[in-house]
Amino acid sequence: MKKVILFLALFLSINLAKAKVDRPIAITGTPIEMLFPQGKSKALILSFDDGNVADKHLVKLMNDYGLIGTFHLNSNKLGTKDYLTKEEVKNLYKGHEVSGHTANHPGLTSLSKIDVIYEVVEDRKELERITGYPVRGMSYPFGNTNDFVVEAITGLGIEYARTVGDTYNFSMPTEYLKWQPTIHLFGKTNYIPNDTANDRRELKNFYQITSEFLNVKTLALFYVWGHSWEYEGPGNKWAEVEKFFKIISRNPDIYYTTQIGLVDYINAFKNLKFSVDKDLVTNLSSLTVFIKINGKAFTIEAGTTKQLN
């Protein structure tokens, strides 16, 4: 009897060992990397605030160079001195994104919760009436925000909100409602009146960061923000704007996007459904998503399930 039991135990141990060898090992630790559309590794966002009349020249330059932007507008200021009219807004920003900047441009951190809500909701409502599509993002007036403001705007249909806390790097956003850009257009030039030495340093630094972006090999988002009215007045600032646009435009390695366009794409990537072994993926979104696994790129068409091998 002992011999029979020992034989059975040996038989089972051998077969269990064989099963362990034959069974495929789940690759749950394999990282899945996001690529931008068309498998690109670089993305550019250009973002401008206020809706000043100088946007007309700025948008013309952007259109000339095939660039797209996100424009954050104060709806109650439209039609007043130095601001675009509501009729102009309807046509000017076609092909670009219109986003919120509050109705009246107050510092939100000093307001009550109900006033923060009013500023954001009323701005959304009027901009949506003008543009004819949902306005889903904003930038904070003066870049000012805190946890109280973020809590107040949560649930108001705002899916991202930009600060002015420049990172000077190309990282992806970690908190959509506290989105930090890479750098102000031309850095902090003209922040100190009549300080030409500072202006030269800041301009040199801005183009150095631009060059780093163009040469970086990892996934990189270059987010540049500013105001069109900054390029008016003395000096040849518009020529500098055009110089930058020429450097950054029509690059086959760059995904040119609005801010909400990138939000939608990141969300589509995050919502991909993978099998345990990562050999199958389902894309439930309406966007085609590009990914990389173990150095190999894959295209996951909208609404499909794909074998990854």
Protein backbone atom coordinates (compact mmCIF):
# COMPACT_ATOMS: atom_id res chain seq x y z
CA MET A 1 0.00 0.00 0.00
CA LYS A 2 2.87 2.35 0.86
CA LYS A 3 4.42 1.69 -2.53
CA VAL A 4 1.13 2.58 -4.28
CA ILE A 5 0.82 5.84 -2.33
CA LEU A 6 4.44 6.77 -3.07
CA PHE A 7 3.95 6.00 -6.74
CA LEU A 8 0.82 8.16 -6.94
CA ALA A 9 2.56 11.00 -5.10
CA LEU A 10 5.51 10.82 -7.50
CA PHE A 11 3.19 10.69 -10.52
CA LEU A 12 1.24 13.75 -9.38
CA SER A 13 4.35 15.76 -8.56
CA ILE A 14 5.87 15.05 -11.98
CA ASN A 15 2.68 16.06 -13.81
CA LEU A 16 2.16 19.17 -11.71
CA ALA A 17 5.73 20.21 -12.45
CA LYS A 18 5.15 19.57 -16.14
CA ALA A 19 1.95 21.64 -16.03
CA LYS A 20 3.85 24.52 -14.48
CA VAL A 21 6.41 24.34 -17.27
CA ASP A 22 3.83 24.10 -20.04
CA ARG A 23 1.51 26.82 -18.70
CA PRO A 24 2.28 30.28 -20.17
CA ILE A 25 3.37 32.85 -17.62
CA ALA A 26 1.24 35.99 -17.46
CA ILE A 27 3.26 39.09 -18.37
CA THR A 28 1.45 41.34 -15.94
CA GLY A 29 4.60 43.31 -15.17
CA THR A 30 5.18 44.37 -18.78
CA PRO A 31 4.81 48.16 -19.14
CA ILE A 32 2.39 49.48 -21.75
CA GLU A 33 3.55 52.84 -23.11
CA MET A 34 1.31 55.44 -24.70
CA LEU A 35 2.32 56.92 -28.04
CA PHE A 36 0.67 59.97 -29.57
CA PRO A 37 -1.47 59.60 -32.73
CA GLN A 38 0.33 58.10 -35.74
CA GLY A 39 2.80 56.61 -33.26
CA LYS A 40 4.52 59.93 -32.59
CA SER A 41 6.48 60.55 -29.40
CA LYS A 42 6.17 64.36 -29.27
CA ALA A 43 3.13 66.61 -28.79
CA LEU A 44 2.70 70.39 -28.85
CA ILE A 45 0.01 72.51 -27.17
CA LEU A 46 -0.17 76.27 -27.79
CA SER A 47 -2.46 78.06 -25.34
CA PHE A 48 -3.40 81.75 -25.18
CA ASP A 49 -5.57 83.71 -22.75
CA ASP A 50 -8.08 86.58 -22.68
CA GLY A 51 -9.44 87.02 -26.23
CA ASN A 52 -7.63 90.28 -26.99
CA VAL A 53 -8.04 91.78 -30.50
CA ALA A 54 -4.39 90.86 -31.12
CA ASP A 55 -5.61 87.25 -31.36
CA LYS A 56 -6.60 88.07 -34.94
CA HIS A 57 -2.99 88.46 -35.98
CA LEU A 58 -1.88 85.54 -33.79
CA VAL A 59 -4.45 83.16 -35.29
CA LYS A 60 -3.52 84.25 -38.82
CA LEU A 61 0.13 83.38 -38.14
CA MET A 62 -0.85 80.04 -36.63
CA ASN A 63 -3.03 79.22 -39.61
CA ASP A 64 -0.24 80.20 -42.00
CA TYR A 65 2.10 77.71 -40.31
CA GLY A 66 -0.47 74.95 -39.89
CA LEU A 67 -0.57 75.23 -36.09
CA ILE A 68 -3.59 74.82 -33.83
CA GLY A 69 -4.22 76.33 -30.43
CA THR A 70 -6.44 76.54 -27.38
CA PHE A 71 -7.83 79.99 -26.62
CA HIS A 72 -9.18 80.78 -23.15
CA LEU A 73 -11.76 83.59 -23.25
CA ASN A 74 -13.55 85.87 -20.78
CA SER A 75 -17.10 85.99 -22.15
CA ASN A 76 -18.21 89.16 -20.30
CA LYS A 77 -15.25 91.11 -21.67
CA LEU A 78 -15.98 90.26 -25.30
CA GLY A 79 -17.07 93.37 -27.19
CA THR A 80 -15.39 95.78 -24.76
CA LYS A 81 -12.28 97.88 -25.44
CA ASP A 82 -9.35 95.82 -26.82
CA TYR A 83 -11.37 92.58 -26.83
CA LEU A 84 -12.84 90.63 -29.72
CA THR A 85 -16.55 90.83 -30.36
CA LYS A 86 -18.72 87.76 -29.96
CA GLU A 87 -19.34 87.75 -33.71
CA GLU A 88 -15.59 87.72 -34.38
CA VAL A 89 -15.14 84.77 -32.00
CA LYS A 90 -17.57 82.67 -34.04
CA ASN A 91 -15.32 82.71 -37.11
CA LEU A 92 -11.80 83.46 -35.86
CA TYR A 93 -11.17 80.28 -33.92
CA LYS A 94 -12.44 77.73 -36.43
CA GLY A 95 -10.09 74.75 -36.33
CA HIS A 96 -8.89 75.77 -32.86
CA GLU A 97 -10.35 75.21 -29.37
CA VAL A 98 -12.28 77.85 -27.44
CA SER A 99 -11.98 77.30 -23.72
CA GLY A 100 -13.02 79.14 -20.56
CA HIS A 101 -11.14 81.79 -18.56
CA THR A 102 -14.08 82.81 -16.30
CA ALA A 103 -16.69 85.40 -17.22
CA ASN A 104 -14.96 88.43 -15.69
CA HIS A 105 -11.33 87.39 -14.98
CA PRO A 106 -11.31 87.68 -11.16
CA GLY A 107 -8.76 86.06 -8.87
CA LEU A 108 -10.72 82.93 -7.96
CA THR A 109 -8.86 82.21 -4.71
CA SER A 110 -10.41 85.32 -3.10
CA LEU A 111 -14.02 84.45 -4.05
CA SER A 112 -16.74 82.49 -2.28
CA LYS A 113 -17.64 79.07 -3.62
CA ILE A 114 -20.88 80.30 -5.21
CA ASP A 115 -19.02 83.11 -6.99
CA VAL A 116 -16.37 80.71 -8.32
CA ILE A 117 -19.17 78.52 -9.65
CA TYR A 118 -20.93 81.52 -11.21
CA GLU A 119 -17.74 82.71 -12.98
CA VAL A 120 -17.05 79.30 -14.47
CA VAL A 121 -20.60 78.24 -15.37
CA GLU A 122 -21.64 81.58 -16.87
CA ASP A 123 -18.47 81.68 -18.95
CA ARG A 124 -19.08 78.13 -20.21
CA LYS A 125 -22.72 78.87 -21.01
CA GLU A 126 -22.00 81.98 -23.09
CA LEU A 127 -18.99 80.56 -24.90
CA GLU A 128 -21.02 77.47 -25.80
CA ARG A 129 -23.79 79.69 -27.15
CA ILE A 130 -21.23 81.53 -29.31
CA THR A 131 -19.24 78.53 -30.57
CA GLY A 132 -21.99 75.93 -30.80
CA TYR A 133 -20.08 73.16 -29.00
CA PRO A 134 -19.42 72.11 -25.37
CA VAL A 135 -16.65 74.10 -23.67
CA ARG A 136 -14.86 71.57 -21.47
CA GLY A 137 -11.76 73.29 -20.11
CA MET A 138 -10.37 76.56 -18.78
CA SER A 139 -7.31 78.41 -17.59
CA TYR A 140 -7.24 80.14 -14.21
CA PRO A 141 -7.19 83.96 -14.23
CA PHE A 142 -3.68 85.05 -13.19
CA GLY A 143 -2.93 81.33 -12.89
CA ASN A 144 -4.30 81.42 -9.34
CA THR A 145 -5.87 78.31 -7.84
CA ASN A 146 -5.90 76.20 -4.69
CA ASP A 147 -7.67 73.11 -3.37
CA PHE A 148 -10.78 75.17 -2.53
CA VAL A 149 -11.11 76.41 -6.12
CA VAL A 150 -10.45 72.95 -7.57
CA GLU A 151 -13.18 71.51 -5.34
CA ALA A 152 -15.58 74.28 -6.38
CA ILE A 153 -15.16 73.66 -10.13
CA THR A 154 -15.26 69.87 -9.84
CA GLY A 155 -18.51 68.64 -11.36
CA LEU A 156 -19.08 71.75 -13.49
CA GLY A 157 -18.11 70.05 -16.75
CA ILE A 158 -14.54 71.37 -16.63
CA GLU A 159 -12.19 68.53 -17.59
CA TYR A 160 -8.92 70.45 -17.36
CA ALA A 161 -7.70 73.76 -15.95
CA ARG A 162 -4.30 75.31 -16.66
CA THR A 163 -2.13 77.16 -14.15
CA VAL A 164 0.90 79.34 -14.95
CA GLY A 165 3.35 77.27 -12.88
CA ASP A 166 5.91 76.54 -15.59
CA THR A 167 7.69 73.18 -15.22
CA TYR A 168 10.41 73.74 -17.84
CA ASN A 169 10.09 70.07 -18.75
CA PHE A 170 8.02 67.89 -21.09
CA SER A 171 6.11 65.78 -18.57
CA MET A 172 2.54 64.62 -19.06
CA PRO A 173 -0.17 66.11 -16.80
CA THR A 174 -0.78 64.29 -13.53
CA GLU A 175 -3.71 66.43 -12.34
CA TYR A 176 -5.95 67.79 -15.08
CA LEU A 177 -7.40 70.54 -12.84
CA LYS A 178 -3.92 71.71 -11.81
CA TRP A 179 -2.29 71.41 -15.22
CA GLN A 180 1.15 73.02 -15.33
CA PRO A 181 2.53 74.13 -18.72
CA THR A 182 6.12 73.80 -19.87
CA ILE A 183 6.94 77.47 -20.33
CA HIS A 184 5.52 80.89 -21.12
CA LEU A 185 6.16 81.94 -24.72
CA PHE A 186 9.65 83.51 -24.63
CA GLY A 187 9.96 82.77 -20.91
CA LYS A 188 10.04 85.75 -18.59
CA THR A 189 11.16 88.28 -21.18
CA ASN A 190 9.72 91.74 -20.46
CA TYR A 191 8.86 90.75 -16.86
CA ILE A 192 11.43 93.28 -15.65
CA PRO A 193 10.99 96.64 -17.45
CA ASN A 194 13.98 97.84 -19.46
CA ASP A 195 16.17 94.90 -18.41
CA THR A 196 17.63 93.84 -21.76
CA ALA A 197 20.15 91.48 -20.14
CA ASN A 198 17.33 89.51 -18.49
CA ASP A 199 15.38 89.48 -21.77
CA ARG A 200 18.37 88.01 -23.60
CA ARG A 201 18.85 85.31 -20.95
CA GLU A 202 15.16 84.37 -20.95
CA LEU A 203 14.94 84.27 -24.74
CA LYS A 204 18.07 82.11 -24.94
CA ASN A 205 16.62 79.74 -22.33
CA PHE A 206 13.31 79.53 -24.20
CA TYR A 207 14.99 78.49 -27.45
CA GLN A 208 17.23 76.06 -25.56
CA ILE A 209 14.12 74.32 -24.17
CA THR A 210 12.56 74.35 -27.65
CA SER A 211 15.70 72.69 -29.05
CA GLU A 212 15.65 70.07 -26.28
CA PHE A 213 12.06 69.24 -27.16
CA LEU A 214 12.87 68.84 -30.84
CA ASN A 215 15.72 66.45 -30.00
CA VAL A 216 14.26 64.48 -27.08
CA LYS A 217 13.82 60.74 -27.69
CA THR A 218 11.28 59.91 -24.98
CA LEU A 219 7.56 60.71 -24.82
CA ALA A 220 7.38 64.51 -24.55
CA LEU A 221 4.69 67.20 -24.30
CA PHE A 222 5.76 70.79 -25.01
CA TYR A 223 3.09 73.12 -23.60
CA VAL A 224 3.62 76.81 -24.42
CA TRP A 225 1.25 79.53 -23.18
CA GLY A 226 0.91 83.29 -23.35
CA HIS A 227 -1.23 86.29 -24.41
CA SER A 228 -1.39 87.84 -27.86
CA TRP A 229 -1.36 91.38 -26.42
CA GLU A 230 2.19 90.76 -25.18
CA TYR A 231 3.47 90.93 -28.75
CA GLU A 232 1.99 94.36 -29.51
CA GLY A 233 3.77 97.68 -28.98
CA PRO A 234 7.48 98.60 -29.24
CA GLY A 235 9.95 96.12 -30.65
CA ASN A 236 9.57 93.49 -33.31
CA LYS A 237 7.87 90.88 -31.11
CA TRP A 238 5.60 89.53 -33.83
CA ALA A 239 8.68 88.66 -35.88
CA GLU A 240 9.92 86.64 -32.88
CA VAL A 241 6.57 84.85 -32.68
CA GLU A 242 6.79 83.98 -36.37
CA LYS A 243 10.36 82.78 -35.92
CA PHE A 244 9.23 80.36 -33.20
CA PHE A 245 6.27 79.16 -35.27
CA LYS A 246 8.57 78.47 -38.19
CA ILE A 247 10.90 76.40 -35.97
CA ILE A 248 8.13 74.35 -34.41
CA SER A 249 5.72 73.88 -37.33
CA ARG A 250 5.24 71.11 -39.91
CA ASN A 251 7.43 68.62 -38.07
CA PRO A 252 6.46 65.01 -38.92
CA ASP A 253 7.50 63.85 -35.44
CA ILE A 254 5.11 66.20 -33.61
CA TYR A 255 1.43 65.68 -32.82
CA TYR A 256 -0.19 69.13 -32.95
CA THR A 257 -3.19 69.21 -30.67
CA THR A 258 -5.61 71.31 -28.68
CA GLN A 259 -5.68 70.81 -24.94
CA ILE A 260 -9.04 69.02 -24.93
CA GLY A 261 -7.84 66.89 -27.84
CA LEU A 262 -4.97 65.60 -25.73
CA VAL A 263 -7.27 65.01 -22.74
CA ASP A 264 -9.56 62.88 -24.90
CA TYR A 265 -6.63 60.91 -26.30
CA ILE A 266 -5.06 60.21 -22.89
CA ASN A 267 -8.45 59.09 -21.56
CA ALA A 268 -8.88 56.74 -24.53
CA PHE A 269 -5.47 55.21 -23.79
CA LYS A 270 -6.27 54.82 -20.10
CA ASN A 271 -9.57 53.11 -20.96
CA LEU A 272 -8.00 50.35 -23.09
CA LYS A 273 -8.99 46.89 -21.78
CA PHE A 274 -6.19 44.31 -21.68
CA SER A 275 -6.32 40.57 -21.09
CA VAL A 276 -4.30 39.19 -18.17
CA ASP A 277 -1.55 37.99 -20.49
CA LYS A 278 -1.60 41.28 -22.42
CA ASP A 279 -2.05 39.43 -25.69
CA LEU A 280 -5.49 40.97 -26.32
CA VAL A 281 -6.72 44.55 -26.07
CA THR A 282 -10.11 46.16 -26.63
CA ASN A 283 -10.48 49.84 -27.52
CA LEU A 284 -13.96 51.01 -26.51
CA SER A 285 -13.38 54.63 -27.55
CA SER A 286 -14.03 56.41 -30.85
CA LEU A 287 -10.32 57.28 -31.16
CA THR A 288 -7.57 55.11 -32.61
CA VAL A 289 -4.89 54.66 -29.95
CA PHE A 290 -1.18 53.97 -30.43
CA ILE A 291 0.83 52.01 -27.87
CA LYS A 292 4.21 50.35 -27.41
CA ILE A 293 4.94 47.08 -25.60
CA ASN A 294 8.48 45.72 -25.27
CA GLY A 295 9.66 48.17 -27.92
CA LYS A 296 7.04 47.11 -30.46
CA ALA A 297 4.40 49.62 -31.60
CA PHE A 298 0.74 48.71 -32.07
CA THR A 299 -2.22 50.55 -33.56
CA ILE A 300 -5.51 49.89 -31.75
CA GLU A 301 -8.33 51.04 -34.00
CA ALA A 302 -11.45 52.59 -32.47
CA GLY A 303 -14.07 50.06 -31.37
CA THR A 304 -11.94 46.96 -32.04
CA THR A 305 -10.28 44.08 -30.19
CA LYS A 306 -6.72 43.36 -31.33
CA GLN A 307 -4.34 40.42 -30.91
CA LEU A 308 -0.95 41.63 -29.66
CA ASN A 309 1.86 39.42 -30.90
